[in-house]
N, C-alpha and C. Protein backbone atom coordinates (compact mmCIF):
# COMPACT_ATOMS: atom_id res chain seq x y z
N UNK A 1 -20.37 108.64 22.32
CA UNK A 1 -19.04 108.99 21.93
C UNK A 1 -18.22 109.11 23.20
N UNK A 2 -17.01 108.54 23.15
CA UNK A 2 -16.15 108.55 24.33
C UNK A 2 -14.69 108.51 23.92
N UNK A 3 -13.83 108.92 24.85
CA UNK A 3 -12.40 108.76 24.69
C UNK A 3 -11.90 107.64 25.60
N UNK A 4 -12.80 106.96 26.31
CA UNK A 4 -12.44 105.92 27.27
C UNK A 4 -12.52 104.53 26.65
N UNK A 5 -11.49 103.72 26.88
CA UNK A 5 -11.42 102.37 26.32
C UNK A 5 -12.46 101.43 26.91
N UNK A 6 -12.97 101.69 28.10
CA UNK A 6 -13.91 100.77 28.72
C UNK A 6 -15.21 100.65 27.92
N UNK A 7 -15.58 101.66 27.15
CA UNK A 7 -16.76 101.57 26.31
C UNK A 7 -16.52 100.58 25.17
N UNK A 8 -15.29 100.50 24.68
CA UNK A 8 -14.95 99.52 23.66
C UNK A 8 -15.14 98.11 24.23
N UNK A 9 -14.64 97.88 25.43
CA UNK A 9 -14.81 96.57 26.07
C UNK A 9 -16.29 96.23 26.25
N UNK A 10 -17.07 97.21 26.67
CA UNK A 10 -18.49 96.97 26.87
C UNK A 10 -19.18 96.57 25.58
N UNK A 11 -18.81 97.24 24.48
CA UNK A 11 -19.45 96.92 23.21
C UNK A 11 -19.05 95.53 22.74
N UNK A 12 -17.84 95.07 23.06
CA UNK A 12 -17.43 93.72 22.70
C UNK A 12 -18.21 92.67 23.49
N UNK A 13 -18.45 92.96 24.76
CA UNK A 13 -19.15 92.00 25.63
C UNK A 13 -20.64 91.99 25.37
N UNK A 14 -21.26 93.19 25.30
CA UNK A 14 -22.72 93.28 25.24
C UNK A 14 -23.26 93.59 23.85
N UNK A 15 -22.43 94.10 22.94
CA UNK A 15 -22.90 94.42 21.60
C UNK A 15 -23.82 95.63 21.57
N UNK A 16 -24.56 95.73 20.49
CA UNK A 16 -25.47 96.84 20.23
C UNK A 16 -26.80 96.56 20.87
N UNK A 17 -27.54 97.51 21.42
CA UNK A 17 -27.19 98.90 21.67
C UNK A 17 -26.37 99.05 22.93
N UNK A 18 -25.76 100.11 23.18
CA UNK A 18 -25.72 101.31 22.36
C UNK A 18 -24.61 101.22 21.32
N UNK A 19 -24.69 102.11 20.37
CA UNK A 19 -23.60 102.28 19.42
C UNK A 19 -22.52 103.11 20.12
N UNK A 20 -21.26 102.76 19.88
CA UNK A 20 -20.16 103.44 20.54
C UNK A 20 -19.21 104.01 19.49
N UNK A 21 -18.88 105.28 19.62
CA UNK A 21 -17.85 105.91 18.81
C UNK A 21 -16.71 106.25 19.76
N UNK A 22 -15.55 105.62 19.53
CA UNK A 22 -14.39 105.81 20.40
C UNK A 22 -13.41 106.74 19.72
N UNK A 23 -13.16 107.88 20.32
CA UNK A 23 -12.18 108.85 19.83
C UNK A 23 -10.83 108.43 20.41
N UNK A 24 -9.98 107.86 19.59
CA UNK A 24 -8.70 107.34 20.06
C UNK A 24 -7.61 108.41 19.95
N UNK A 25 -7.70 109.34 20.84
CA UNK A 25 -6.77 110.46 20.89
C UNK A 25 -6.50 110.74 22.36
N UNK A 26 -5.27 110.99 22.71
CA UNK A 26 -4.92 111.33 24.09
C UNK A 26 -5.53 112.67 24.47
N UNK A 27 -4.99 113.27 25.49
CA UNK A 27 -5.47 114.59 25.90
C UNK A 27 -5.36 115.55 24.72
N UNK A 28 -6.44 116.20 24.42
CA UNK A 28 -6.44 117.15 23.31
C UNK A 28 -7.54 118.18 23.54
N UNK A 29 -7.48 119.20 22.74
CA UNK A 29 -8.47 120.28 22.85
C UNK A 29 -9.79 119.86 22.21
N UNK A 30 -10.84 120.51 22.65
CA UNK A 30 -12.16 120.26 22.10
C UNK A 30 -12.17 120.48 20.58
N UNK A 31 -11.43 121.49 20.12
CA UNK A 31 -11.37 121.78 18.68
C UNK A 31 -10.78 120.60 17.90
N UNK A 32 -9.83 119.88 18.49
CA UNK A 32 -9.27 118.70 17.83
C UNK A 32 -10.32 117.60 17.69
N UNK A 33 -11.12 117.40 18.73
CA UNK A 33 -12.19 116.40 18.68
C UNK A 33 -13.20 116.80 17.61
N UNK A 34 -13.56 118.07 17.57
CA UNK A 34 -14.49 118.55 16.55
C UNK A 34 -13.91 118.31 15.16
N UNK A 35 -12.62 118.56 14.98
CA UNK A 35 -11.96 118.31 13.70
C UNK A 35 -12.04 116.85 13.30
N UNK A 36 -11.82 115.94 14.24
CA UNK A 36 -11.91 114.51 13.97
C UNK A 36 -13.31 114.15 13.52
N UNK A 37 -14.31 114.68 14.21
CA UNK A 37 -15.70 114.39 13.85
C UNK A 37 -16.05 114.94 12.47
N UNK A 38 -15.54 116.12 12.15
CA UNK A 38 -15.79 116.71 10.83
C UNK A 38 -15.13 115.90 9.72
N UNK A 39 -13.89 115.49 9.95
CA UNK A 39 -13.17 114.71 8.95
C UNK A 39 -13.88 113.38 8.67
N UNK A 40 -14.42 112.77 9.71
CA UNK A 40 -15.03 111.45 9.59
C UNK A 40 -16.56 111.51 9.53
N UNK A 41 -17.11 112.65 9.17
CA UNK A 41 -18.57 112.82 9.16
C UNK A 41 -19.30 111.79 8.33
N UNK A 42 -18.81 111.49 7.14
CA UNK A 42 -19.48 110.51 6.28
C UNK A 42 -19.39 109.10 6.88
N UNK A 43 -18.23 108.78 7.43
CA UNK A 43 -18.05 107.47 8.08
C UNK A 43 -19.00 107.33 9.27
N UNK A 44 -19.14 108.39 10.04
CA UNK A 44 -20.04 108.37 11.20
C UNK A 44 -21.48 108.19 10.75
N UNK A 45 -21.89 108.89 9.72
CA UNK A 45 -23.26 108.76 9.21
C UNK A 45 -23.54 107.34 8.75
N UNK A 46 -22.59 106.75 8.03
CA UNK A 46 -22.75 105.37 7.56
C UNK A 46 -22.84 104.41 8.74
N UNK A 47 -21.98 104.61 9.74
CA UNK A 47 -22.00 103.79 10.95
C UNK A 47 -23.35 103.87 11.66
N UNK A 48 -23.86 105.07 11.83
CA UNK A 48 -25.13 105.25 12.53
C UNK A 48 -26.30 104.62 11.79
N UNK A 49 -26.22 104.59 10.46
CA UNK A 49 -27.30 104.02 9.66
C UNK A 49 -27.24 102.49 9.58
N UNK A 50 -26.10 101.91 9.92
CA UNK A 50 -25.90 100.47 9.82
C UNK A 50 -26.45 99.77 11.06
N UNK A 51 -27.47 98.97 10.90
CA UNK A 51 -28.11 98.32 12.03
C UNK A 51 -27.27 97.17 12.61
N UNK A 52 -26.23 96.76 11.91
CA UNK A 52 -25.38 95.66 12.38
C UNK A 52 -24.16 96.14 13.17
N UNK A 53 -23.74 97.37 12.95
CA UNK A 53 -22.51 97.88 13.58
C UNK A 53 -22.78 98.43 14.97
N UNK A 54 -21.87 98.10 15.91
CA UNK A 54 -22.02 98.56 17.28
C UNK A 54 -20.88 99.46 17.71
N UNK A 55 -19.75 99.44 16.98
CA UNK A 55 -18.56 100.12 17.46
C UNK A 55 -17.80 100.75 16.30
N UNK A 56 -17.35 102.00 16.51
CA UNK A 56 -16.54 102.71 15.52
C UNK A 56 -15.39 103.38 16.26
N UNK A 57 -14.17 103.15 15.76
CA UNK A 57 -12.98 103.74 16.34
C UNK A 57 -12.44 104.80 15.40
N UNK A 58 -12.19 106.01 15.93
CA UNK A 58 -11.67 107.11 15.11
C UNK A 58 -10.38 107.63 15.70
N UNK A 59 -9.47 108.04 14.83
CA UNK A 59 -8.19 108.66 15.27
C UNK A 59 -8.11 110.04 14.69
């Protein structure tokens, strides 16, 4: 999991592994990141279980 765009580029070039979750939010508090993860918990679980997916972008 990262807030840096360079991990997105890496996943496009090299693919899976690793799986990348990109938190697309500017400077924010840790609580905001936790909130994003909680809101998207089901999406994250599905992404992690999918052997074909390498990249997930969350806002």
